[in-house]
Amino acid sequence: MNWWHRLQTFLREVIVETKKVTWPGRDEVVSTTVVVIAASFIFGIFLYVCDLAFSQLVTVVIKFLS
């Protein structure tokens, strides 16, 4: 079987599998997008607070050792 027939077979199978996919509705996409954005802000704030705390800790340790 040459490459052209293998490519045609592959594309045919891709089309068949794509028809089996259940695509999410608009409401589901919007709600999951909101969750992702909210989680990103929450983790961003958490990491910012951790960064500030570790920065202060390192500063205190360096002053203590100096």
PDB file of N, CA and C in Angstrom:
ATOM      1  N   MET A   1       0.854  -1.167   0.000  1.00  0.00           N
ATOM      2  CA  MET A   1       0.000   0.000   0.000  1.00  0.00           C
ATOM      3  C   MET A   1       0.909   1.242   0.000  1.00  0.00           C
ATOM      4  N   ASN A   2       0.738   2.092  -0.972  1.00  0.00           N
ATOM      5  CA  ASN A   2       1.599   3.274  -1.052  1.00  0.00           C
ATOM      6  C   ASN A   2       1.102   4.382  -0.134  1.00  0.00           C
ATOM      7  N   TRP A   3       1.859   5.464  -0.063  1.00  0.00           N
ATOM      8  CA  TRP A   3       1.565   6.537   0.882  1.00  0.00           C
ATOM      9  C   TRP A   3       0.246   7.228   0.585  1.00  0.00           C
ATOM     10  N   TRP A   4      -0.147   7.309  -0.686  1.00  0.00           N
ATOM     11  CA  TRP A   4      -1.386   7.994  -1.050  1.00  0.00           C
ATOM     12  C   TRP A   4      -2.609   7.249  -0.490  1.00  0.00           C
ATOM     13  N   HIS A   5      -2.623   5.935  -0.612  1.00  0.00           N
ATOM     14  CA  HIS A   5      -3.741   5.142  -0.092  1.00  0.00           C
ATOM     15  C   HIS A   5      -3.780   5.178   1.440  1.00  0.00           C
ATOM     16  N   ARG A   6      -2.599   5.166   2.050  1.00  0.00           N
ATOM     17  CA  ARG A   6      -2.561   5.252   3.513  1.00  0.00           C
ATOM     18  C   ARG A   6      -3.082   6.603   3.981  1.00  0.00           C
ATOM     19  N   LEU A   7      -2.744   7.666   3.268  1.00  0.00           N
ATOM     20  CA  LEU A   7      -3.232   8.998   3.610  1.00  0.00           C
ATOM     21  C   LEU A   7      -4.751   9.072   3.461  1.00  0.00           C
ATOM     22  N   GLN A   8      -5.284   8.541   2.379  1.00  0.00           N
ATOM     23  CA  GLN A   8      -6.729   8.545   2.176  1.00  0.00           C
ATOM     24  C   GLN A   8      -7.442   7.761   3.283  1.00  0.00           C
ATOM     25  N   THR A   9      -6.893   6.612   3.638  1.00  0.00           N
ATOM     26  CA  THR A   9      -7.479   5.803   4.708  1.00  0.00           C
ATOM     27  C   THR A   9      -7.447   6.566   6.028  1.00  0.00           C
ATOM     28  N   PHE A  10      -6.337   7.180   6.311  1.00  0.00           N
ATOM     29  CA  PHE A  10      -6.205   7.959   7.550  1.00  0.00           C
ATOM     30  C   PHE A  10      -7.238   9.078   7.597  1.00  0.00           C
ATOM     31  N   LEU A  11      -7.362   9.843   6.525  1.00  0.00           N
ATOM     32  CA  LEU A  11      -8.307  10.964   6.498  1.00  0.00           C
ATOM     33  C   LEU A  11      -9.747  10.487   6.615  1.00  0.00           C
ATOM     34  N   ARG A  12     -10.074   9.366   5.986  1.00  0.00           N
ATOM     35  CA  ARG A  12     -11.410   8.797   6.106  1.00  0.00           C
ATOM     36  C   ARG A  12     -11.710   8.435   7.562  1.00  0.00           C
ATOM     37  N   GLU A  13     -10.731   7.822   8.232  1.00  0.00           N
ATOM     38  CA  GLU A  13     -10.922   7.440   9.633  1.00  0.00           C
ATOM     39  C   GLU A  13     -11.029   8.668  10.538  1.00  0.00           C
ATOM     40  N   VAL A  14     -10.291   9.726  10.216  1.00  0.00           N
ATOM     41  CA  VAL A  14     -10.385  10.956  10.991  1.00  0.00           C
ATOM     42  C   VAL A  14     -11.791  11.535  10.889  1.00  0.00           C
ATOM     43  N   ILE A  15     -12.357  11.559   9.706  1.00  0.00           N
ATOM     44  CA  ILE A  15     -13.706  12.083   9.507  1.00  0.00           C
ATOM     45  C   ILE A  15     -14.722  11.265  10.293  1.00  0.00           C
ATOM     46  N   VAL A  16     -14.588   9.938  10.257  1.00  0.00           N
ATOM     47  CA  VAL A  16     -15.515   9.068  10.992  1.00  0.00           C
ATOM     48  C   VAL A  16     -15.420   9.331  12.488  1.00  0.00           C
ATOM     49  N   GLU A  17     -14.200   9.437  13.024  1.00  0.00           N
ATOM     50  CA  GLU A  17     -14.029   9.669  14.457  1.00  0.00           C
ATOM     51  C   GLU A  17     -14.497  11.060  14.865  1.00  0.00           C
ATOM     52  N   THR A  18     -14.312  12.052  14.010  1.00  0.00           N
ATOM     53  CA  THR A  18     -14.742  13.412  14.320  1.00  0.00           C
ATOM     54  C   THR A  18     -16.260  13.498  14.419  1.00  0.00           C
ATOM     55  N   LYS A  19     -16.960  12.713  13.648  1.00  0.00           N
ATOM     56  CA  LYS A  19     -18.424  12.711  13.721  1.00  0.00           C
ATOM     57  C   LYS A  19     -18.933  12.122  15.034  1.00  0.00           C
ATOM     58  N   LYS A  20     -18.102  11.340  15.737  1.00  0.00           N
ATOM     59  CA  LYS A  20     -18.495  10.731  17.011  1.00  0.00           C
ATOM     60  C   LYS A  20     -18.313  11.681  18.191  1.00  0.00           C
ATOM     61  N   VAL A  21     -17.616  12.782  17.984  1.00  0.00           N
ATOM     62  CA  VAL A  21     -17.315  13.710  19.071  1.00  0.00           C
ATOM     63  C   VAL A  21     -18.576  14.459  19.490  1.00  0.00           C
ATOM     64  N   THR A  22     -18.751  14.593  20.804  1.00  0.00           N
ATOM     65  CA  THR A  22     -19.852  15.417  21.298  1.00  0.00           C
ATOM     66  C   THR A  22     -19.269  16.766  21.689  1.00  0.00           C
ATOM     67  N   TRP A  23     -19.660  17.803  20.991  1.00  0.00           N
ATOM     68  CA  TRP A  23     -19.118  19.129  21.212  1.00  0.00           C
ATOM     69  C   TRP A  23     -19.887  19.819  22.327  1.00  0.00           C
ATOM     70  N   PRO A  24     -19.199  20.567  23.194  1.00  0.00           N
ATOM     71  CA  PRO A  24     -19.893  21.234  24.298  1.00  0.00           C
ATOM     72  C   PRO A  24     -20.746  22.388  23.787  1.00  0.00           C
ATOM     73  N   GLY A  25     -21.791  22.678  24.538  1.00  0.00           N
ATOM     74  CA  GLY A  25     -22.654  23.799  24.193  1.00  0.00           C
ATOM     75  C   GLY A  25     -22.053  25.119  24.667  1.00  0.00           C
ATOM     76  N   ARG A  26     -22.690  26.200  24.262  1.00  0.00           N
ATOM     77  CA  ARG A  26     -22.186  27.535  24.613  1.00  0.00           C
ATOM     78  C   ARG A  26     -22.146  27.744  26.124  1.00  0.00           C
ATOM     79  N   ASP A  27     -23.195  27.317  26.831  1.00  0.00           N
ATOM     80  CA  ASP A  27     -23.254  27.496  28.282  1.00  0.00           C
ATOM     81  C   ASP A  27     -22.103  26.771  28.977  1.00  0.00           C
ATOM     82  N   GLU A  28     -21.817  25.557  28.536  1.00  0.00           N
ATOM     83  CA  GLU A  28     -20.731  24.785  29.140  1.00  0.00           C
ATOM     84  C   GLU A  28     -19.373  25.440  28.867  1.00  0.00           C
ATOM     85  N   VAL A  29     -19.173  25.940  27.675  1.00  0.00           N
ATOM     86  CA  VAL A  29     -17.911  26.603  27.339  1.00  0.00           C
ATOM     87  C   VAL A  29     -17.737  27.869  28.174  1.00  0.00           C
ATOM     88  N   VAL A  30     -18.794  28.659  28.298  1.00  0.00           N
ATOM     89  CA  VAL A  30     -18.713  29.893  29.080  1.00  0.00           C
ATOM     90  C   VAL A  30     -18.426  29.578  30.546  1.00  0.00           C
ATOM     91  N   SER A  31     -19.123  28.609  31.114  1.00  0.00           N
ATOM     92  CA  SER A  31     -18.935  28.310  32.535  1.00  0.00           C
ATOM     93  C   SER A  31     -17.537  27.760  32.813  1.00  0.00           C
ATOM     94  N   THR A  32     -17.035  26.889  31.966  1.00  0.00           N
ATOM     95  CA  THR A  32     -15.687  26.364  32.196  1.00  0.00           C
ATOM     96  C   THR A  32     -14.625  27.442  31.971  1.00  0.00           C
ATOM     97  N   THR A  33     -14.872  28.355  31.053  1.00  0.00           N
ATOM     98  CA  THR A  33     -13.939  29.464  30.843  1.00  0.00           C
ATOM     99  C   THR A  33     -13.881  30.354  32.071  1.00  0.00           C
ATOM    100  N   VAL A  34     -15.029  30.640  32.660  1.00  0.00           N
ATOM    101  CA  VAL A  34     -15.072  31.452  33.880  1.00  0.00           C
ATOM    102  C   VAL A  34     -14.324  30.749  35.008  1.00  0.00           C
ATOM    103  N   VAL A  35     -14.497  29.449  35.132  1.00  0.00           N
ATOM    104  CA  VAL A  35     -13.794  28.693  36.175  1.00  0.00           C
ATOM    105  C   VAL A  35     -12.288  28.767  35.966  1.00  0.00           C
ATOM    106  N   VAL A  36     -11.840  28.618  34.738  1.00  0.00           N
ATOM    107  CA  VAL A  36     -10.400  28.668  34.447  1.00  0.00           C
ATOM    108  C   VAL A  36      -9.834  30.048  34.757  1.00  0.00           C
ATOM    109  N   ILE A  37     -10.537  31.106  34.367  1.00  0.00           N
ATOM    110  CA  ILE A  37     -10.057  32.463  34.638  1.00  0.00           C
ATOM    111  C   ILE A  37     -10.017  32.722  36.138  1.00  0.00           C
ATOM    112  N   ALA A  38     -11.053  32.322  36.867  1.00  0.00           N
ATOM    113  CA  ALA A  38     -11.083  32.519  38.321  1.00  0.00           C
ATOM    114  C   ALA A  38      -9.958  31.737  38.995  1.00  0.00           C
ATOM    115  N   ALA A  39      -9.760  30.493  38.591  1.00  0.00           N
ATOM    116  CA  ALA A  39      -8.693  29.680  39.182  1.00  0.00           C
ATOM    117  C   ALA A  39      -7.324  30.295  38.888  1.00  0.00           C
ATOM    118  N   SER A  40      -7.145  30.844  37.703  1.00  0.00           N
ATOM    119  CA  SER A  40      -5.874  31.486  37.361  1.00  0.00           C
ATOM    120  C   SER A  40      -5.608  32.685  38.266  1.00  0.00           C
ATOM    121  N   PHE A  41      -6.637  33.503  38.516  1.00  0.00           N
ATOM    122  CA  PHE A  41      -6.465  34.642  39.413  1.00  0.00           C
ATOM    123  C   PHE A  41      -6.160  34.188  40.842  1.00  0.00           C
ATOM    124  N   ILE A  42      -6.868  33.175  41.294  1.00  0.00           N
ATOM    125  CA  ILE A  42      -6.655  32.685  42.659  1.00  0.00           C
ATOM    126  C   ILE A  42      -5.235  32.148  42.823  1.00  0.00           C
ATOM    127  N   PHE A  43      -4.788  31.317  41.887  1.00  0.00           N
ATOM    128  CA  PHE A  43      -3.434  30.784  41.968  1.00  0.00           C
ATOM    129  C   PHE A  43      -2.397  31.881  41.804  1.00  0.00           C
ATOM    130  N   GLY A  44      -2.686  32.860  40.969  1.00  0.00           N
ATOM    131  CA  GLY A  44      -1.767  33.980  40.799  1.00  0.00           C
ATOM    132  C   GLY A  44      -1.598  34.762  42.085  1.00  0.00           C
ATOM    133  N   ILE A  45      -2.700  35.038  42.757  1.00  0.00           N
ATOM    134  CA  ILE A  45      -2.639  35.753  44.036  1.00  0.00           C
ATOM    135  C   ILE A  45      -1.912  34.914  45.082  1.00  0.00           C
ATOM    136  N   PHE A  46      -2.211  33.626  45.133  1.00  0.00           N
ATOM    137  CA  PHE A  46      -1.536  32.733  46.077  1.00  0.00           C
ATOM    138  C   PHE A  46      -0.030  32.722  45.844  1.00  0.00           C
ATOM    139  N   LEU A  47       0.390  32.599  44.594  1.00  0.00           N
ATOM    140  CA  LEU A  47       1.818  32.574  44.290  1.00  0.00           C
ATOM    141  C   LEU A  47       2.476  33.919  44.592  1.00  0.00           C
ATOM    142  N   TYR A  48       1.758  35.017  44.395  1.00  0.00           N
ATOM    143  CA  TYR A  48       2.275  36.337  44.727  1.00  0.00           C
ATOM    144  C   TYR A  48       2.522  36.454  46.234  1.00  0.00           C
ATOM    145  N   VAL A  49       1.563  35.989  47.020  1.00  0.00           N
ATOM    146  CA  VAL A  49       1.712  36.031  48.478  1.00  0.00           C
ATOM    147  C   VAL A  49       2.869  35.138  48.922  1.00  0.00           C
ATOM    148  N   CYS A  50       2.985  33.951  48.327  1.00  0.00           N
ATOM    149  CA  CYS A  50       4.106  33.065  48.663  1.00  0.00           C
ATOM    150  C   CYS A  50       5.436  33.718  48.295  1.00  0.00           C
ATOM    151  N   ASP A  51       5.497  34.359  47.162  1.00  0.00           N
ATOM    152  CA  ASP A  51       6.715  35.044  46.732  1.00  0.00           C
ATOM    153  C   ASP A  51       7.099  36.147  47.710  1.00  0.00           C
ATOM    154  N   LEU A  52       6.111  36.934  48.141  1.00  0.00           N
ATOM    155  CA  LEU A  52       6.393  37.991  49.121  1.00  0.00           C
ATOM    156  C   LEU A  52       6.906  37.393  50.436  1.00  0.00           C
ATOM    157  N   ALA A  53       6.276  36.336  50.890  1.00  0.00           N
ATOM    158  CA  ALA A  53       6.673  35.713  52.156  1.00  0.00           C
ATOM    159  C   ALA A  53       8.089  35.161  52.067  1.00  0.00           C
ATOM    160  N   PHE A  54       8.392  34.429  51.001  1.00  0.00           N
ATOM    161  CA  PHE A  54       9.735  33.868  50.854  1.00  0.00           C
ATOM    162  C   PHE A  54      10.779  34.959  50.665  1.00  0.00           C
ATOM    163  N   SER A  55      10.408  36.023  49.989  1.00  0.00           N
ATOM    164  CA  SER A  55      11.327  37.143  49.801  1.00  0.00           C
ATOM    165  C   SER A  55      11.678  37.767  51.152  1.00  0.00           C
ATOM    166  N   GLN A  56      10.666  37.976  51.978  1.00  0.00           N
ATOM    167  CA  GLN A  56      10.909  38.530  53.313  1.00  0.00           C
ATOM    168  C   GLN A  56      11.732  37.561  54.161  1.00  0.00           C
ATOM    169  N   LEU A  57      11.441  36.289  54.047  1.00  0.00           N
ATOM    170  CA  LEU A  57      12.191  35.283  54.803  1.00  0.00           C
ATOM    171  C   LEU A  57      13.655  35.279  54.393  1.00  0.00           C
ATOM    172  N   VAL A  58      13.927  35.321  53.123  1.00  0.00           N
ATOM    173  CA  VAL A  58      15.310  35.340  52.634  1.00  0.00           C
ATOM    174  C   VAL A  58      16.015  36.609  53.105  1.00  0.00           C
ATOM    175  N   THR A  59      15.306  37.731  53.066  1.00  0.00           N
ATOM    176  CA  THR A  59      15.892  38.988  53.540  1.00  0.00           C
ATOM    177  C   THR A  59      16.256  38.892  55.017  1.00  0.00           C
ATOM    178  N   VAL A  60      15.382  38.338  55.832  1.00  0.00           N
ATOM    179  CA  VAL A  60      15.657  38.183  57.261  1.00  0.00           C
ATOM    180  C   VAL A  60      16.839  37.245  57.489  1.00  0.00           C
ATOM    181  N   VAL A  61      16.902  36.150  56.774  1.00  0.00           N
ATOM    182  CA  VAL A  61      18.001  35.198  56.922  1.00  0.00           C
ATOM    183  C   VAL A  61      19.316  35.838  56.517  1.00  0.00           C
ATOM    184  N   ILE A  62      19.329  36.580  55.416  1.00  0.00           N
ATOM    185  CA  ILE A  62      20.569  37.225  54.969  1.00  0.00           C
ATOM    186  C   ILE A  62      21.021  38.270  55.992  1.00  0.00           C
ATOM    187  N   LYS A  63      20.094  39.059  56.524  1.00  0.00           N
ATOM    188  CA  LYS A  63      20.466  40.046  57.562  1.00  0.00           C
ATOM    189  C   LYS A  63      20.973  39.355  58.817  1.00  0.00           C
ATOM    190  N   PHE A  64      20.376  38.219  59.170  1.00  0.00           N
ATOM    191  CA  PHE A  64      20.788  37.489  60.361  1.00  0.00           C
ATOM    192  C   PHE A  64      22.197  36.932  60.212  1.00  0.00           C
ATOM    193  N   LEU A  65      22.515  36.432  59.018  1.00  0.00           N
ATOM    194  CA  LEU A  65      23.818  35.828  58.778  1.00  0.00           C
ATOM    195  C   LEU A  65      24.914  36.853  58.508  1.00  0.00           C
ATOM    196  N   SER A  66      24.548  38.072  58.234  1.00  0.00           N
ATOM    197  CA  SER A  66      25.557  39.090  57.930  1.00  0.00           C
ATOM    198  C   SER A  66      26.174  39.670  59.162  1.00  0.00           C
TER     199      SER A  66
END
